[in-house]
Amino acid sequence: MPYNIEFSVATSDQIEAALCKRLESIRLSRNITQAQLAEEADVSPRTIGRLEKGQGVSVDTFIRIMMALGIQQSLEALLPDPTVRPIERVGIGAGERKRARPTQSGDERPTWSWGDGEDDDE
């Protein structure tokens, strides 16, 4: 399975497989064996094999492997900093968001019709 996928339309299984293949490619490009990576990440070689087959590992193991490969700085790109909002780049004084407010759907607005708000005596 190719690891260059469109993440916005991929399933979670496809994303997991793509990420695991990327880690395998990084390991191979650095000429590191599974055993060497396992020792550096403090996991078993079997765990590295499972990861590279896309069979799933814990988030902790995934992070350990990234750290062992020296690519843990890429983890910052996984989840953007929620405290940096585009509006803060434009204006000054925007405070930290304290709660979420869902947008109201169009169905909640009253239906307007002719004669609303006018005197009916005319």
N, C-alpha and C. Protein backbone atom coordinates (compact mmCIF):
# COMPACT_ATOMS: atom_id res chain seq x y z
N MET A 1 0.84 -1.18 0.00
CA MET A 1 0.00 0.00 0.00
C MET A 1 0.88 1.24 0.00
N PRO A 2 0.60 2.19 -0.87
CA PRO A 2 1.41 3.40 -0.91
C PRO A 2 1.19 4.24 0.35
N TYR A 3 2.20 4.97 0.74
CA TYR A 3 2.04 5.78 1.95
C TYR A 3 1.83 7.24 1.63
N ASN A 4 1.70 7.60 0.38
CA ASN A 4 1.32 8.95 0.00
C ASN A 4 -0.17 8.94 -0.26
N ILE A 5 -0.93 9.35 0.72
CA ILE A 5 -2.38 9.30 0.63
C ILE A 5 -2.96 10.69 0.91
N GLU A 6 -4.21 10.85 0.58
CA GLU A 6 -4.94 12.07 0.89
C GLU A 6 -5.56 11.89 2.27
N PHE A 7 -4.94 12.47 3.29
CA PHE A 7 -5.38 12.26 4.67
C PHE A 7 -6.79 12.75 4.92
N SER A 8 -7.26 13.74 4.18
CA SER A 8 -8.59 14.29 4.44
C SER A 8 -9.72 13.33 4.06
N VAL A 9 -9.44 12.35 3.22
CA VAL A 9 -10.48 11.41 2.81
C VAL A 9 -10.15 9.96 3.18
N ALA A 10 -9.01 9.73 3.80
CA ALA A 10 -8.58 8.38 4.14
C ALA A 10 -9.26 7.89 5.41
N THR A 11 -9.38 6.58 5.53
CA THR A 11 -9.90 5.98 6.76
C THR A 11 -8.79 5.95 7.80
N SER A 12 -9.16 5.69 9.04
CA SER A 12 -8.15 5.64 10.10
C SER A 12 -7.16 4.49 9.85
N ASP A 13 -7.64 3.38 9.32
CA ASP A 13 -6.74 2.26 9.01
C ASP A 13 -5.74 2.64 7.91
N GLN A 14 -6.20 3.38 6.91
CA GLN A 14 -5.32 3.82 5.83
C GLN A 14 -4.27 4.80 6.35
N ILE A 15 -4.69 5.70 7.22
CA ILE A 15 -3.74 6.67 7.79
C ILE A 15 -2.71 5.95 8.64
N GLU A 16 -3.16 5.00 9.46
CA GLU A 16 -2.25 4.23 10.30
C GLU A 16 -1.22 3.49 9.44
N ALA A 17 -1.68 2.84 8.39
CA ALA A 17 -0.78 2.10 7.50
C ALA A 17 0.22 3.04 6.83
N ALA A 18 -0.25 4.21 6.40
CA ALA A 18 0.63 5.17 5.74
C ALA A 18 1.71 5.68 6.70
N LEU A 19 1.31 6.00 7.93
CA LEU A 19 2.29 6.48 8.91
C LEU A 19 3.32 5.41 9.24
N CYS A 20 2.85 4.18 9.37
CA CYS A 20 3.77 3.07 9.68
C CYS A 20 4.74 2.84 8.53
N LYS A 21 4.27 2.93 7.30
CA LYS A 21 5.16 2.76 6.14
C LYS A 21 6.18 3.89 6.08
N ARG A 22 5.76 5.09 6.44
CA ARG A 22 6.71 6.20 6.46
C ARG A 22 7.81 5.97 7.49
N LEU A 23 7.42 5.46 8.66
CA LEU A 23 8.43 5.16 9.68
C LEU A 23 9.39 4.09 9.19
N GLU A 24 8.85 3.08 8.52
CA GLU A 24 9.71 2.02 7.97
C GLU A 24 10.67 2.61 6.94
N SER A 25 10.19 3.48 6.07
CA SER A 25 11.04 4.09 5.06
C SER A 25 12.14 4.93 5.68
N ILE A 26 11.80 5.65 6.74
CA ILE A 26 12.82 6.46 7.44
C ILE A 26 13.87 5.55 8.04
N ARG A 27 13.43 4.46 8.66
CA ARG A 27 14.38 3.50 9.26
C ARG A 27 15.32 2.93 8.20
N LEU A 28 14.74 2.51 7.08
CA LEU A 28 15.55 1.92 6.02
C LEU A 28 16.49 2.95 5.37
N SER A 29 16.03 4.19 5.22
CA SER A 29 16.89 5.21 4.62
C SER A 29 18.09 5.53 5.50
N ARG A 30 17.96 5.27 6.77
CA ARG A 30 19.06 5.49 7.72
C ARG A 30 19.87 4.23 7.97
N ASN A 31 19.52 3.16 7.24
CA ASN A 31 20.24 1.89 7.34
C ASN A 31 20.26 1.35 8.77
N ILE A 32 19.10 1.39 9.41
CA ILE A 32 18.95 0.89 10.78
C ILE A 32 18.12 -0.38 10.73
N THR A 33 18.56 -1.41 11.41
CA THR A 33 17.81 -2.66 11.45
C THR A 33 16.65 -2.53 12.43
N GLN A 34 15.70 -3.44 12.30
CA GLN A 34 14.59 -3.45 13.25
C GLN A 34 15.10 -3.69 14.66
N ALA A 35 16.08 -4.56 14.79
CA ALA A 35 16.64 -4.87 16.11
C ALA A 35 17.31 -3.63 16.72
N GLN A 36 18.05 -2.89 15.90
CA GLN A 36 18.71 -1.69 16.41
C GLN A 36 17.68 -0.64 16.85
N LEU A 37 16.65 -0.45 16.03
CA LEU A 37 15.61 0.52 16.38
C LEU A 37 14.87 0.08 17.63
N ALA A 38 14.59 -1.20 17.74
CA ALA A 38 13.89 -1.73 18.92
C ALA A 38 14.70 -1.46 20.18
N GLU A 39 16.00 -1.69 20.11
CA GLU A 39 16.85 -1.46 21.27
C GLU A 39 16.88 0.03 21.64
N GLU A 40 17.00 0.88 20.65
CA GLU A 40 17.04 2.33 20.89
C GLU A 40 15.72 2.84 21.45
N ALA A 41 14.60 2.29 20.98
CA ALA A 41 13.27 2.72 21.42
C ALA A 41 12.81 2.00 22.68
N ASP A 42 13.59 1.01 23.13
CA ASP A 42 13.26 0.21 24.30
C ASP A 42 11.93 -0.54 24.12
N VAL A 43 11.79 -1.15 22.94
CA VAL A 43 10.66 -2.02 22.64
C VAL A 43 11.22 -3.31 22.05
N SER A 44 10.37 -4.29 21.85
CA SER A 44 10.85 -5.55 21.27
C SER A 44 10.94 -5.44 19.75
N PRO A 45 11.84 -6.24 19.13
CA PRO A 45 11.90 -6.25 17.66
C PRO A 45 10.56 -6.67 17.05
N ARG A 46 9.83 -7.54 17.73
CA ARG A 46 8.51 -7.96 17.24
C ARG A 46 7.56 -6.76 17.16
N THR A 47 7.67 -5.83 18.11
CA THR A 47 6.84 -4.63 18.10
C THR A 47 7.15 -3.78 16.87
N ILE A 48 8.42 -3.66 16.52
CA ILE A 48 8.80 -2.90 15.33
C ILE A 48 8.20 -3.58 14.09
N GLY A 49 8.27 -4.90 14.05
CA GLY A 49 7.70 -5.64 12.93
C GLY A 49 6.19 -5.43 12.81
N ARG A 50 5.50 -5.47 13.96
CA ARG A 50 4.05 -5.22 13.95
C ARG A 50 3.73 -3.81 13.47
N LEU A 51 4.51 -2.85 13.94
CA LEU A 51 4.28 -1.47 13.52
C LEU A 51 4.45 -1.33 12.01
N GLU A 52 5.50 -1.89 11.48
CA GLU A 52 5.79 -1.75 10.05
C GLU A 52 4.78 -2.49 9.17
N LYS A 53 4.10 -3.46 9.74
CA LYS A 53 3.03 -4.16 9.01
C LYS A 53 1.69 -3.45 9.18
N GLY A 54 1.66 -2.37 9.97
CA GLY A 54 0.43 -1.64 10.19
C GLY A 54 -0.52 -2.34 11.13
N GLN A 55 0.00 -3.20 12.00
CA GLN A 55 -0.85 -3.97 12.90
C GLN A 55 -1.17 -3.24 14.20
N GLY A 56 -0.72 -2.03 14.32
CA GLY A 56 -1.08 -1.20 15.46
C GLY A 56 -0.17 -1.37 16.66
N VAL A 57 0.17 -0.24 17.24
CA VAL A 57 0.94 -0.18 18.47
C VAL A 57 0.36 0.96 19.30
N SER A 58 0.77 1.05 20.53
CA SER A 58 0.26 2.12 21.40
C SER A 58 0.87 3.46 20.97
N VAL A 59 0.23 4.52 21.40
CA VAL A 59 0.75 5.87 21.12
C VAL A 59 2.12 6.02 21.77
N ASP A 60 2.29 5.47 22.97
CA ASP A 60 3.58 5.54 23.66
C ASP A 60 4.67 4.89 22.81
N THR A 61 4.40 3.73 22.26
CA THR A 61 5.38 3.04 21.41
C THR A 61 5.67 3.84 20.16
N PHE A 62 4.65 4.39 19.55
CA PHE A 62 4.81 5.22 18.35
C PHE A 62 5.74 6.40 18.65
N ILE A 63 5.52 7.05 19.78
CA ILE A 63 6.36 8.19 20.16
C ILE A 63 7.79 7.75 20.45
N ARG A 64 7.95 6.63 21.13
CA ARG A 64 9.31 6.12 21.42
C ARG A 64 10.09 5.85 20.13
N ILE A 65 9.40 5.28 19.15
CA ILE A 65 10.06 4.98 17.88
C ILE A 65 10.44 6.26 17.16
N MET A 66 9.55 7.25 17.19
CA MET A 66 9.88 8.54 16.57
C MET A 66 11.08 9.18 17.27
N MET A 67 11.12 9.08 18.59
CA MET A 67 12.25 9.64 19.33
C MET A 67 13.54 8.91 18.99
N ALA A 68 13.46 7.59 18.87
CA ALA A 68 14.64 6.80 18.54
C ALA A 68 15.16 7.15 17.14
N LEU A 69 14.25 7.51 16.24
CA LEU A 69 14.64 7.92 14.89
C LEU A 69 15.05 9.40 14.83
N GLY A 70 14.85 10.12 15.93
CA GLY A 70 15.22 11.53 15.99
C GLY A 70 14.26 12.44 15.23
N ILE A 71 13.01 12.02 15.11
CA ILE A 71 12.03 12.83 14.37
C ILE A 71 10.87 13.27 15.27
N GLN A 72 11.09 13.31 16.57
CA GLN A 72 10.02 13.68 17.49
C GLN A 72 9.54 15.12 17.29
N GLN A 73 10.35 15.98 16.70
CA GLN A 73 9.90 17.35 16.44
C GLN A 73 8.73 17.36 15.46
N SER A 74 8.57 16.31 14.67
CA SER A 74 7.44 16.21 13.74
C SER A 74 6.11 16.00 14.46
N LEU A 75 6.17 15.58 15.71
CA LEU A 75 4.94 15.37 16.47
C LEU A 75 4.18 16.68 16.68
N GLU A 76 4.89 17.78 16.71
CA GLU A 76 4.26 19.09 16.91
C GLU A 76 3.30 19.42 15.77
N ALA A 77 3.58 18.90 14.58
CA ALA A 77 2.72 19.17 13.43
C ALA A 77 1.44 18.34 13.47
N LEU A 78 1.40 17.28 14.28
CA LEU A 78 0.21 16.44 14.35
C LEU A 78 -1.01 17.20 14.86
N LEU A 79 -0.81 17.99 15.89
CA LEU A 79 -1.91 18.75 16.49
C LEU A 79 -1.48 20.20 16.61
N PRO A 80 -2.15 21.11 15.93
CA PRO A 80 -1.76 22.51 16.01
C PRO A 80 -2.01 23.07 17.41
N ASP A 81 -1.26 24.08 17.77
CA ASP A 81 -1.41 24.73 19.07
C ASP A 81 -2.76 25.43 19.11
N PRO A 82 -3.65 25.03 20.02
CA PRO A 82 -4.98 25.64 20.05
C PRO A 82 -4.99 27.07 20.56
N THR A 83 -3.89 27.50 21.17
CA THR A 83 -3.85 28.87 21.69
C THR A 83 -3.52 29.89 20.61
N VAL A 84 -3.05 29.43 19.46
CA VAL A 84 -2.74 30.34 18.36
C VAL A 84 -3.91 30.30 17.39
N ARG A 85 -4.66 31.40 17.35
CA ARG A 85 -5.81 31.48 16.47
C ARG A 85 -5.55 32.54 15.42
N PRO A 86 -6.06 32.34 14.20
CA PRO A 86 -5.81 33.31 13.13
C PRO A 86 -6.22 34.73 13.48
N ILE A 87 -7.29 34.91 14.24
CA ILE A 87 -7.75 36.25 14.59
C ILE A 87 -6.72 36.97 15.45
N GLU A 88 -5.95 36.21 16.22
CA GLU A 88 -4.93 36.83 17.07
C GLU A 88 -3.80 37.42 16.24
N ARG A 89 -3.62 36.93 15.06
CA ARG A 89 -2.57 37.47 14.20
C ARG A 89 -2.98 38.81 13.61
N VAL A 90 -4.28 39.06 13.56
CA VAL A 90 -4.80 40.28 12.97
C VAL A 90 -5.02 41.35 14.03
N GLY A 91 -5.69 40.99 15.11
CA GLY A 91 -6.06 41.97 16.12
C GLY A 91 -5.30 41.76 17.41
N ILE A 92 -5.38 42.76 18.25
CA ILE A 92 -4.74 42.69 19.56
C ILE A 92 -5.83 42.59 20.61
N GLY A 93 -5.57 41.88 21.65
CA GLY A 93 -6.50 41.84 22.76
C GLY A 93 -7.45 40.66 22.78
N ALA A 94 -7.32 39.75 21.84
CA ALA A 94 -8.18 38.57 21.87
C ALA A 94 -7.73 37.67 23.00
N GLY A 95 -8.64 37.34 23.90
CA GLY A 95 -8.29 36.51 25.04
C GLY A 95 -8.35 35.03 24.71
N GLU A 96 -7.87 34.24 25.64
CA GLU A 96 -7.91 32.79 25.46
C GLU A 96 -9.35 32.32 25.53
N ARG A 97 -9.72 31.42 24.65
CA ARG A 97 -11.08 30.91 24.59
C ARG A 97 -11.33 30.05 25.83
N LYS A 98 -12.48 30.30 26.49
CA LYS A 98 -12.83 29.59 27.72
C LYS A 98 -13.87 28.52 27.51
N ARG A 99 -14.70 28.65 26.47
CA ARG A 99 -15.74 27.66 26.21
C ARG A 99 -16.07 27.65 24.73
N ALA A 100 -16.69 26.57 24.31
CA ALA A 100 -17.12 26.45 22.92
C ALA A 100 -18.58 26.83 22.81
N ARG A 101 -18.92 27.46 21.72
CA ARG A 101 -20.31 27.81 21.46
C ARG A 101 -20.67 27.27 20.08
N PRO A 102 -21.51 26.25 20.04
CA PRO A 102 -21.87 25.69 18.73
C PRO A 102 -22.65 26.70 17.91
N THR A 103 -22.46 26.63 16.61
CA THR A 103 -23.22 27.53 15.74
C THR A 103 -24.66 27.07 15.67
N GLN A 104 -25.56 28.03 15.54
CA GLN A 104 -26.97 27.69 15.47
C GLN A 104 -27.31 27.33 14.04
N SER A 105 -28.11 26.29 13.89
CA SER A 105 -28.51 25.89 12.55
C SER A 105 -29.60 26.83 12.05
N GLY A 106 -29.79 26.86 10.74
CA GLY A 106 -30.78 27.71 10.12
C GLY A 106 -32.20 27.34 10.52
N ASP A 107 -32.43 26.14 11.03
CA ASP A 107 -33.77 25.68 11.38
C ASP A 107 -34.32 26.39 12.61
N GLU A 108 -33.46 26.98 13.43
CA GLU A 108 -33.90 27.58 14.68
C GLU A 108 -34.44 28.99 14.48
N ARG A 109 -34.25 29.60 13.32
CA ARG A 109 -34.75 30.94 13.05
C ARG A 109 -36.25 30.89 12.79
N PRO A 110 -36.99 31.90 13.27
CA PRO A 110 -38.43 31.90 12.99
C PRO A 110 -38.67 32.14 11.50
N THR A 111 -39.72 31.56 11.00
CA THR A 111 -40.09 31.72 9.60
C THR A 111 -40.80 33.05 9.44
N TRP A 112 -40.38 33.85 8.48
CA TRP A 112 -40.98 35.14 8.22
C TRP A 112 -42.09 34.98 7.20
N SER A 113 -43.16 35.71 7.39
CA SER A 113 -44.23 35.71 6.40
C SER A 113 -44.79 37.11 6.29
N TRP A 114 -45.50 37.40 5.20
CA TRP A 114 -46.10 38.72 4.99
C TRP A 114 -47.07 39.01 6.11
N GLY A 115 -47.03 40.22 6.58
CA GLY A 115 -47.95 40.63 7.62
C GLY A 115 -47.37 40.54 9.02
N ASP A 116 -46.21 39.91 9.19
CA ASP A 116 -45.60 39.83 10.52
C ASP A 116 -45.20 41.23 10.98
N GLY A 117 -45.61 41.59 12.17
CA GLY A 117 -45.21 42.85 12.75
C GLY A 117 -46.02 44.04 12.29
N GLU A 118 -47.00 43.86 11.44
CA GLU A 118 -47.83 44.96 10.97
C GLU A 118 -49.18 44.90 11.68
N ASP A 119 -49.84 46.05 11.70
CA ASP A 119 -51.19 46.07 12.27
C ASP A 119 -52.15 45.32 11.36
N ASP A 120 -52.97 44.49 11.92
CA ASP A 120 -53.94 43.72 11.14
C ASP A 120 -55.22 44.50 10.88
N ASP A 121 -55.36 45.73 11.46
CA ASP A 121 -56.58 46.50 11.34
C ASP A 121 -56.70 47.22 10.00
N GLU A 122 -55.67 47.34 9.24
CA GLU A 122 -55.71 48.11 8.01
C GLU A 122 -56.43 47.43 6.91
